[in-house]
Amino acid sequence: MGVICGMKPLSFLSALLLLLPISFAHNVTVYFFWGEGCPHCAEMKQFFSALQQKYPIELVSLEVYYNDTNRELLYKFFDAYNVKIKAVPVVFIGNESFLGFSDVIADQIESKISYCTSYGCISPYDYVMSSVSPSSPSSSSSSHRSLLLFVGIAFVAIALVIYFLRG
């Protein structure tokens, strides 16, 4: 029976199968609007620093007190997400918004990020710019890429199993 880099075929296949879930982690785009001098915003920044160590987050952090362009974008987000209370910190992930900062909100944000990491979610910017309905869970192109990746990895795994079983 063949050996790959000093590994027995079964060990190699086991290692390959352990890596499968890692390859399906979706990057999550998070829009975080904050204001300079806002104490809750500073807490939220620290929270995201820790989350970025745990999840594949693309954090778009935008200051709105002193930046008119960012503030105008924030109001587009407020309108698209139907946010009634206009304040910071505010976070947009997929089709949801989170206003303020507390332990409960932190748990809700982490739960949403975990969901989006596993299943994929639309980028908040794409959501705002395309006027997608709030019930849309994710973009179809992301789903197609995941499916193609899964099929490709499954094909390689099956080919390796057949190769090693034949000797």
Foldseek 3Di string as FASTA:
>chain_A
DDADPNHALVVVLVVLVVCVQVVQFDEWEKEWEEEPPDPQSVVVVVLVVVVVVVGNYDYHYHHPPPDPVSVVVLVLLCVLLVPDDDDDGKMDTALDIQHTDDPVSSVVVSVSRVVCRNVNGDHSVCCSVVSDDSVDGHDVVSVVVSVVVVVVSVVVSVVSVVVSVVD
